[in-house]
Amino acid sequence: MNNVLKIDIITIFPQMLSGFLQESMMKRASAAGLVEFNAINLRDFTTDKHNKTDDRPFGGGPGMVMKAEPMFAAVESVRTPESRVILMTPQGQTFKQADARRLADQTHHLIFICGHYEGVDERIRDALVDEEISIGDYVLTNGVLSATVVIDAVTRLRPGVLGGGEEAAEEESFSSGLLEFPQYTRPPEFRGMKVPEILFSGNHGKIAEWRKKQAMRRTIERRSDLLKTDDKNSKNNP
């Protein structure tokens, strides 16, 4: 079975992806043959001499709307039966760690549609898109910025990408439904601030218990909504 994750990103600003894909974990994942990234310039699929990817909305109103014709051509140039087409949009479902895990585990080919201007022609949504994702309740310049967030979150969960750090991903914030516990490293004391003694005890059971309590305390203080969501889910799924 092919374990390589293929990711195509359709945008009118492919150069915005250069730094992101050529640094850090994305670069290592690509070099190791675990993920294949492909930036697709939507303008390559236009048919007019000005390479227009947008036009004024029918019915009037401000701004411009992404045209259907080039987007259909771009998606259809790479889509296969196993592809999952994702539209990055403020109207989508808010992206969660569980979504990153689902996409990392269940997909082998992701196609990201990165909108711009006032959005995309509704026919793109109706006929091409499998899933709409938002990274938060705010508006960005274009979908490339939000797509990189999702791509990063998904890529790092693919087998082999983290190397020896696979277990660390299981203890990160949101993976257990809680925020991550406090972490410390050398020196044991810095400017009068000391590392908790329990972390020097060597008692892994006690350390795990301390970390769990700290994670719960931090979640209650900073993101109590996460606990409310868990409570609601447990009631709906006894």
C-alpha atoms as a PDB file:
ATOM      1  CA  MET A   1       0.000   0.000   0.000  1.00  0.00           C
ATOM      2  CA  ASN A   2       1.298   3.431  -0.901  1.00  0.00           C
ATOM      3  CA  ASN A   3       1.833   5.433   2.298  1.00  0.00           C
ATOM      4  CA  VAL A   4       2.814   8.636   0.532  1.00  0.00           C
ATOM      5  CA  LEU A   5       0.411  11.512   1.120  1.00  0.00           C
ATOM      6  CA  LYS A   6      -0.037  13.678  -1.955  1.00  0.00           C
ATOM      7  CA  ILE A   7      -1.061  17.288  -1.410  1.00  0.00           C
ATOM      8  CA  ASP A   8      -2.029  19.642  -4.243  1.00  0.00           C
ATOM      9  CA  ILE A   9      -2.597  23.321  -3.443  1.00  0.00           C
ATOM     10  CA  ILE A  10      -4.506  25.381  -6.019  1.00  0.00           C
ATOM     11  CA  THR A  11      -3.886  29.114  -5.735  1.00  0.00           C
ATOM     12  CA  ILE A  12      -3.154  32.245  -7.729  1.00  0.00           C
ATOM     13  CA  PHE A  13      -0.201  32.901  -5.397  1.00  0.00           C
ATOM     14  CA  PRO A  14       1.955  29.738  -5.559  1.00  0.00           C
ATOM     15  CA  GLN A  15       5.073  31.647  -4.523  1.00  0.00           C
ATOM     16  CA  MET A  16       3.554  32.168  -1.080  1.00  0.00           C
ATOM     17  CA  LEU A  17       4.120  28.458  -0.499  1.00  0.00           C
ATOM     18  CA  SER A  18       7.826  28.421  -1.314  1.00  0.00           C
ATOM     19  CA  GLY A  19       9.216  29.201   2.124  1.00  0.00           C
ATOM     20  CA  PHE A  20       6.663  27.079   3.933  1.00  0.00           C
ATOM     21  CA  LEU A  21       7.275  23.945   1.876  1.00  0.00           C
ATOM     22  CA  GLN A  22      11.062  24.312   1.808  1.00  0.00           C
ATOM     23  CA  GLU A  23      11.722  24.630   5.528  1.00  0.00           C
ATOM     24  CA  SER A  24      11.514  22.577   8.717  1.00  0.00           C
ATOM     25  CA  MET A  25       9.206  19.582   8.896  1.00  0.00           C
ATOM     26  CA  MET A  26       7.617  20.050   5.477  1.00  0.00           C
ATOM     27  CA  LYS A  27      11.029  19.918   3.830  1.00  0.00           C
ATOM     28  CA  ARG A  28      12.024  16.798   5.796  1.00  0.00           C
ATOM     29  CA  ALA A  29       8.734  15.027   5.032  1.00  0.00           C
ATOM     30  CA  SER A  30       9.154  15.738   1.332  1.00  0.00           C
ATOM     31  CA  ALA A  31      12.830  14.733   1.267  1.00  0.00           C
ATOM     32  CA  ALA A  32      11.980  11.452   2.996  1.00  0.00           C
ATOM     33  CA  GLY A  33       9.355  10.661   0.371  1.00  0.00           C
ATOM     34  CA  LEU A  34       6.539  10.647   2.930  1.00  0.00           C
ATOM     35  CA  VAL A  35       4.603  13.572   1.437  1.00  0.00           C
ATOM     36  CA  GLU A  36       4.487  14.996  -2.092  1.00  0.00           C
ATOM     37  CA  PHE A  37       3.612  18.682  -2.344  1.00  0.00           C
ATOM     38  CA  ASN A  38       2.472  20.323  -5.540  1.00  0.00           C
ATOM     39  CA  ALA A  39       1.617  24.027  -5.874  1.00  0.00           C
ATOM     40  CA  ILE A  40      -0.769  24.590  -8.796  1.00  0.00           C
ATOM     41  CA  ASN A  41      -1.048  28.047 -10.333  1.00  0.00           C
ATOM     42  CA  LEU A  42      -4.722  28.586 -11.142  1.00  0.00           C
ATOM     43  CA  ARG A  43      -3.802  31.088 -13.844  1.00  0.00           C
ATOM     44  CA  ASP A  44      -2.336  28.230 -15.892  1.00  0.00           C
ATOM     45  CA  PHE A  45      -5.901  27.019 -16.440  1.00  0.00           C
ATOM     46  CA  THR A  46      -7.399  30.254 -17.737  1.00  0.00           C
ATOM     47  CA  THR A  47      -8.282  30.659 -21.413  1.00  0.00           C
ATOM     48  CA  ASP A  48      -8.275  34.438 -21.946  1.00  0.00           C
ATOM     49  CA  LYS A  49      -5.264  36.574 -22.776  1.00  0.00           C
ATOM     50  CA  HIS A  50      -5.356  38.315 -19.376  1.00  0.00           C
ATOM     51  CA  ASN A  51      -5.401  35.040 -17.405  1.00  0.00           C
ATOM     52  CA  LYS A  52      -8.419  36.156 -15.393  1.00  0.00           C
ATOM     53  CA  THR A  53      -9.421  33.948 -12.493  1.00  0.00           C
ATOM     54  CA  ASP A  54     -12.156  36.228 -11.133  1.00  0.00           C
ATOM     55  CA  ASP A  55     -15.095  38.349 -12.298  1.00  0.00           C
ATOM     56  CA  ARG A  56     -17.796  40.616 -10.903  1.00  0.00           C
ATOM     57  CA  PRO A  57     -20.673  38.901  -9.076  1.00  0.00           C
ATOM     58  CA  PHE A  58     -24.032  38.508 -10.770  1.00  0.00           C
ATOM     59  CA  GLY A  59     -26.634  40.615  -8.997  1.00  0.00           C
ATOM     60  CA  GLY A  60     -24.129  43.313  -8.151  1.00  0.00           C
ATOM     61  CA  GLY A  61     -22.168  43.989  -5.002  1.00  0.00           C
ATOM     62  CA  PRO A  62     -18.580  44.778  -4.067  1.00  0.00           C
ATOM     63  CA  GLY A  63     -15.525  42.686  -4.793  1.00  0.00           C
ATOM     64  CA  MET A  64     -14.769  39.899  -7.225  1.00  0.00           C
ATOM     65  CA  VAL A  65     -15.656  36.196  -7.300  1.00  0.00           C
ATOM     66  CA  MET A  66     -13.368  33.323  -8.327  1.00  0.00           C
ATOM     67  CA  LYS A  67     -14.497  31.914 -11.694  1.00  0.00           C
ATOM     68  CA  ALA A  68     -15.731  28.347 -12.100  1.00  0.00           C
ATOM     69  CA  GLU A  69     -14.059  27.436 -15.415  1.00  0.00           C
ATOM     70  CA  PRO A  70     -10.371  27.594 -14.409  1.00  0.00           C
ATOM     71  CA  MET A  71     -11.054  26.058 -10.987  1.00  0.00           C
ATOM     72  CA  PHE A  72     -12.855  23.068 -12.487  1.00  0.00           C
ATOM     73  CA  ALA A  73     -10.020  22.571 -14.959  1.00  0.00           C
ATOM     74  CA  ALA A  74      -7.373  22.785 -12.239  1.00  0.00           C
ATOM     75  CA  VAL A  75      -9.087  20.353  -9.877  1.00  0.00           C
ATOM     76  CA  GLU A  76      -9.921  17.877 -12.644  1.00  0.00           C
ATOM     77  CA  SER A  77      -6.299  17.886 -13.804  1.00  0.00           C
ATOM     78  CA  VAL A  78      -5.192  16.163 -10.567  1.00  0.00           C
ATOM     79  CA  ARG A  79      -8.314  14.647  -8.988  1.00  0.00           C
ATOM     80  CA  THR A  80      -8.633  10.856  -8.703  1.00  0.00           C
ATOM     81  CA  PRO A  81     -11.327   8.688  -7.081  1.00  0.00           C
ATOM     82  CA  GLU A  82      -9.422   8.730  -3.794  1.00  0.00           C
ATOM     83  CA  SER A  83      -8.897  12.506  -3.707  1.00  0.00           C
ATOM     84  CA  ARG A  84     -10.473  14.688  -1.038  1.00  0.00           C
ATOM     85  CA  VAL A  85     -11.076  18.266  -2.197  1.00  0.00           C
ATOM     86  CA  ILE A  86     -10.983  20.866   0.571  1.00  0.00           C
ATOM     87  CA  LEU A  87     -12.086  24.474   0.230  1.00  0.00           C
ATOM     88  CA  MET A  88     -10.507  26.884   2.687  1.00  0.00           C
ATOM     89  CA  THR A  89     -13.231  29.358   3.632  1.00  0.00           C
ATOM     90  CA  PRO A  90     -14.474  31.309   6.695  1.00  0.00           C
ATOM     91  CA  GLN A  91     -17.803  29.550   6.082  1.00  0.00           C
ATOM     92  CA  GLY A  92     -16.332  26.119   6.747  1.00  0.00           C
ATOM     93  CA  GLN A  93     -16.290  23.993   9.892  1.00  0.00           C
ATOM     94  CA  THR A  94     -13.665  25.120  12.400  1.00  0.00           C
ATOM     95  CA  PHE A  95     -10.557  22.962  12.101  1.00  0.00           C
ATOM     96  CA  LYS A  96      -9.730  20.825  15.137  1.00  0.00           C
ATOM     97  CA  GLN A  97      -6.940  18.429  16.076  1.00  0.00           C
ATOM     98  CA  ALA A  98      -9.378  15.566  15.521  1.00  0.00           C
ATOM     99  CA  ASP A  99      -9.772  16.732  11.915  1.00  0.00           C
ATOM    100  CA  ALA A 100      -6.009  16.733  11.457  1.00  0.00           C
ATOM    101  CA  ARG A 101      -5.876  13.152  12.741  1.00  0.00           C
ATOM    102  CA  ARG A 102      -8.781  12.073  10.525  1.00  0.00           C
ATOM    103  CA  LEU A 103      -7.227  13.537   7.384  1.00  0.00           C
ATOM    104  CA  ALA A 104      -3.797  12.114   8.236  1.00  0.00           C
ATOM    105  CA  ASP A 105      -5.185   8.627   8.835  1.00  0.00           C
ATOM    106  CA  GLN A 106      -7.893   8.326   6.196  1.00  0.00           C
ATOM    107  CA  THR A 107      -6.651  10.149   3.116  1.00  0.00           C
ATOM    108  CA  HIS A 108      -3.889   9.640   0.555  1.00  0.00           C
ATOM    109  CA  HIS A 109      -4.552  12.665  -1.647  1.00  0.00           C
ATOM    110  CA  LEU A 110      -5.666  16.120  -0.534  1.00  0.00           C
ATOM    111  CA  ILE A 111      -6.519  18.945  -2.922  1.00  0.00           C
ATOM    112  CA  PHE A 112      -6.740  22.386  -1.335  1.00  0.00           C
ATOM    113  CA  ILE A 113      -8.706  25.133  -3.076  1.00  0.00           C
ATOM    114  CA  CYS A 114      -7.403  28.494  -1.879  1.00  0.00           C
ATOM    115  CA  GLY A 115      -9.905  31.233  -2.543  1.00  0.00           C
ATOM    116  CA  HIS A 116      -9.347  34.958  -2.802  1.00  0.00           C
ATOM    117  CA  TYR A 117     -11.407  38.136  -3.177  1.00  0.00           C
ATOM    118  CA  GLU A 118     -15.081  37.645  -2.174  1.00  0.00           C
ATOM    119  CA  GLY A 119     -14.986  33.859  -2.424  1.00  0.00           C
ATOM    120  CA  VAL A 120     -15.695  31.288  -5.124  1.00  0.00           C
ATOM    121  CA  ASP A 121     -18.496  30.667  -7.592  1.00  0.00           C
ATOM    122  CA  GLU A 122     -21.063  28.519  -5.743  1.00  0.00           C
ATOM    123  CA  ARG A 123     -20.887  25.875  -8.470  1.00  0.00           C
ATOM    124  CA  ILE A 124     -17.366  25.095  -7.287  1.00  0.00           C
ATOM    125  CA  ARG A 125     -18.782  24.235  -3.880  1.00  0.00           C
ATOM    126  CA  ASP A 126     -21.651  22.252  -5.340  1.00  0.00           C
ATOM    127  CA  ALA A 127     -19.688  20.077  -7.759  1.00  0.00           C
ATOM    128  CA  LEU A 128     -16.057  19.920  -6.649  1.00  0.00           C
ATOM    129  CA  VAL A 129     -15.730  20.317  -2.895  1.00  0.00           C
ATOM    130  CA  ASP A 130     -15.860  17.430  -0.405  1.00  0.00           C
ATOM    131  CA  GLU A 131     -15.195  19.474   2.704  1.00  0.00           C
ATOM    132  CA  GLU A 132     -15.050  23.134   3.752  1.00  0.00           C
ATOM    133  CA  ILE A 133     -12.605  24.152   6.480  1.00  0.00           C
ATOM    134  CA  SER A 134     -12.046  27.348   8.456  1.00  0.00           C
ATOM    135  CA  ILE A 135      -9.177  27.891  10.893  1.00  0.00           C
ATOM    136  CA  GLY A 136     -11.068  30.505  12.896  1.00  0.00           C
ATOM    137  CA  ASP A 137     -13.660  33.233  12.964  1.00  0.00           C
ATOM    138  CA  TYR A 138     -11.701  35.861  11.076  1.00  0.00           C
ATOM    139  CA  VAL A 139     -10.937  36.752   7.463  1.00  0.00           C
ATOM    140  CA  LEU A 140      -7.506  36.427   5.846  1.00  0.00           C
ATOM    141  CA  THR A 141      -6.122  37.832   2.599  1.00  0.00           C
ATOM    142  CA  ASN A 142      -6.453  34.478   0.845  1.00  0.00           C
ATOM    143  CA  GLY A 143      -6.816  30.770   1.441  1.00  0.00           C
ATOM    144  CA  VAL A 144      -3.113  29.941   1.120  1.00  0.00           C
ATOM    145  CA  LEU A 145      -2.461  31.200   4.633  1.00  0.00           C
ATOM    146  CA  SER A 146      -5.107  28.984   6.195  1.00  0.00           C
ATOM    147  CA  ALA A 147      -4.248  26.014   3.981  1.00  0.00           C
ATOM    148  CA  THR A 148      -0.671  25.990   5.280  1.00  0.00           C
ATOM    149  CA  VAL A 149      -1.995  25.677   8.838  1.00  0.00           C
ATOM    150  CA  VAL A 150      -4.068  22.618   7.942  1.00  0.00           C
ATOM    151  CA  ILE A 151      -1.278  21.091   5.852  1.00  0.00           C
ATOM    152  CA  ASP A 152       1.204  21.445   8.704  1.00  0.00           C
ATOM    153  CA  ALA A 153      -1.184  19.913  11.254  1.00  0.00           C
ATOM    154  CA  VAL A 154      -1.962  16.957   8.968  1.00  0.00           C
ATOM    155  CA  THR A 155       1.560  16.306   7.671  1.00  0.00           C
ATOM    156  CA  ARG A 156       3.181  16.030  11.095  1.00  0.00           C
ATOM    157  CA  LEU A 157       0.737  13.251  12.024  1.00  0.00           C
ATOM    158  CA  ARG A 158       1.633  11.055   9.056  1.00  0.00           C
ATOM    159  CA  PRO A 159       3.656   7.948  10.007  1.00  0.00           C
ATOM    160  CA  GLY A 160       7.383   8.588   9.964  1.00  0.00           C
ATOM    161  CA  VAL A 161       7.257  12.378   9.682  1.00  0.00           C
ATOM    162  CA  LEU A 162       8.112  13.035  13.335  1.00  0.00           C
ATOM    163  CA  GLY A 163      10.703  10.282  13.370  1.00  0.00           C
ATOM    164  CA  GLY A 164      11.582   9.474  16.987  1.00  0.00           C
ATOM    165  CA  GLY A 165       9.044  11.989  18.214  1.00  0.00           C
ATOM    166  CA  GLU A 166       5.900  10.036  17.277  1.00  0.00           C
ATOM    167  CA  GLU A 167       4.946   9.609  20.941  1.00  0.00           C
ATOM    168  CA  ALA A 168       5.265  13.339  21.564  1.00  0.00           C
ATOM    169  CA  ALA A 169       2.353  13.996  19.216  1.00  0.00           C
ATOM    170  CA  GLU A 170       0.100  11.946  21.475  1.00  0.00           C
ATOM    171  CA  GLU A 171       0.850  14.212  24.451  1.00  0.00           C
ATOM    172  CA  GLU A 172       0.453  17.550  22.702  1.00  0.00           C
ATOM    173  CA  SER A 173      -2.364  19.987  23.356  1.00  0.00           C
ATOM    174  CA  PHE A 174      -5.786  18.783  22.154  1.00  0.00           C
ATOM    175  CA  SER A 175      -4.608  15.225  21.396  1.00  0.00           C
ATOM    176  CA  SER A 176      -6.086  14.019  24.697  1.00  0.00           C
ATOM    177  CA  GLY A 177      -8.847  16.621  24.824  1.00  0.00           C
ATOM    178  CA  LEU A 178      -6.771  18.717  27.242  1.00  0.00           C
ATOM    179  CA  LEU A 179      -4.129  21.399  26.897  1.00  0.00           C
ATOM    180  CA  GLU A 180      -0.569  20.164  27.286  1.00  0.00           C
ATOM    181  CA  PHE A 181       1.026  20.069  30.736  1.00  0.00           C
ATOM    182  CA  PRO A 182       3.968  22.417  31.611  1.00  0.00           C
ATOM    183  CA  GLN A 183       7.357  21.379  30.230  1.00  0.00           C
ATOM    184  CA  TYR A 184      10.845  22.160  31.587  1.00  0.00           C
ATOM    185  CA  THR A 185      14.468  21.547  30.603  1.00  0.00           C
ATOM    186  CA  ARG A 186      17.942  22.528  31.841  1.00  0.00           C
ATOM    187  CA  PRO A 187      18.946  24.385  33.944  1.00  0.00           C
ATOM    188  CA  PRO A 188      16.967  23.171  36.980  1.00  0.00           C
ATOM    189  CA  GLU A 189      16.899  26.748  38.326  1.00  0.00           C
ATOM    190  CA  PHE A 190      16.848  29.971  36.311  1.00  0.00           C
ATOM    191  CA  ARG A 191      16.551  33.467  37.815  1.00  0.00           C
ATOM    192  CA  GLY A 192      15.078  32.056  40.964  1.00  0.00           C
ATOM    193  CA  MET A 193      12.494  29.936  39.126  1.00  0.00           C
ATOM    194  CA  LYS A 194      12.820  26.228  39.948  1.00  0.00           C
ATOM    195  CA  VAL A 195      11.669  23.150  38.103  1.00  0.00           C
ATOM    196  CA  PRO A 196       9.082  21.201  40.166  1.00  0.00           C
ATOM    197  CA  GLU A 197      10.806  18.565  42.328  1.00  0.00           C
ATOM    198  CA  ILE A 198       8.487  15.794  41.156  1.00  0.00           C
ATOM    199  CA  LEU A 199      10.175  15.851  37.734  1.00  0.00           C
ATOM    200  CA  PHE A 200      13.482  14.805  39.324  1.00  0.00           C
ATOM    201  CA  SER A 201      11.952  11.939  41.308  1.00  0.00           C
ATOM    202  CA  GLY A 202      12.379   9.213  38.703  1.00  0.00           C
ATOM    203  CA  ASN A 203       8.935   7.926  39.664  1.00  0.00           C
ATOM    204  CA  HIS A 204       7.276   7.794  36.246  1.00  0.00           C
ATOM    205  CA  GLY A 205       3.881   6.943  37.691  1.00  0.00           C
ATOM    206  CA  LYS A 206       3.905   9.993  39.969  1.00  0.00           C
ATOM    207  CA  ILE A 207       5.212  12.183  37.144  1.00  0.00           C
ATOM    208  CA  ALA A 208       2.417  11.007  34.834  1.00  0.00           C
ATOM    209  CA  GLU A 209      -0.139  11.736  37.559  1.00  0.00           C
ATOM    210  CA  TRP A 210       1.309  15.225  38.120  1.00  0.00           C
ATOM    211  CA  ARG A 211       1.262  15.968  34.403  1.00  0.00           C
ATOM    212  CA  LYS A 212      -2.345  14.851  34.073  1.00  0.00           C
ATOM    213  CA  LYS A 213      -3.393  17.106  36.954  1.00  0.00           C
ATOM    214  CA  GLN A 214      -1.467  20.029  35.494  1.00  0.00           C
ATOM    215  CA  ALA A 215      -3.047  19.485  32.073  1.00  0.00           C
ATOM    216  CA  MET A 216      -6.504  19.448  33.639  1.00  0.00           C
ATOM    217  CA  ARG A 217      -5.798  22.579  35.699  1.00  0.00           C
ATOM    218  CA  ARG A 218      -4.460  24.460  32.683  1.00  0.00           C
ATOM    219  CA  THR A 219      -7.443  23.430  30.560  1.00  0.00           C
ATOM    220  CA  ILE A 220      -9.914  24.568  33.247  1.00  0.00           C
ATOM    221  CA  GLU A 221      -8.140  27.920  33.583  1.00  0.00           C
ATOM    222  CA  ARG A 222      -7.608  28.650  29.885  1.00  0.00           C
ATOM    223  CA  ARG A 223      -9.997  26.568  27.767  1.00  0.00           C
ATOM    224  CA  SER A 224     -12.862  25.291  29.889  1.00  0.00           C
ATOM    225  CA  ASP A 225     -14.920  25.083  26.693  1.00  0.00           C
ATOM    226  CA  LEU A 226     -12.929  21.974  25.756  1.00  0.00           C
ATOM    227  CA  LEU A 227     -14.227  20.187  28.828  1.00  0.00           C
ATOM    228  CA  LYS A 228     -17.791  21.256  28.096  1.00  0.00           C
ATOM    229  CA  THR A 229     -17.459  19.830  24.592  1.00  0.00           C
ATOM    230  CA  ASP A 230     -16.195  16.532  25.993  1.00  0.00           C
ATOM    231  CA  ASP A 231     -19.057  16.388  28.484  1.00  0.00           C
ATOM    232  CA  LYS A 232     -21.584  16.980  25.709  1.00  0.00           C
ATOM    233  CA  ASN A 233     -20.013  14.310  23.509  1.00  0.00           C
ATOM    234  CA  SER A 234     -20.023  11.766  26.347  1.00  0.00           C
ATOM    235  CA  LYS A 235     -23.724  12.376  26.959  1.00  0.00           C
ATOM    236  CA  ASN A 236     -24.515  11.886  23.300  1.00  0.00           C
ATOM    237  CA  ASN A 237     -22.322   8.796  23.070  1.00  0.00           C
ATOM    238  CA  PRO A 238     -22.835   6.749  26.249  1.00  0.00           C
END
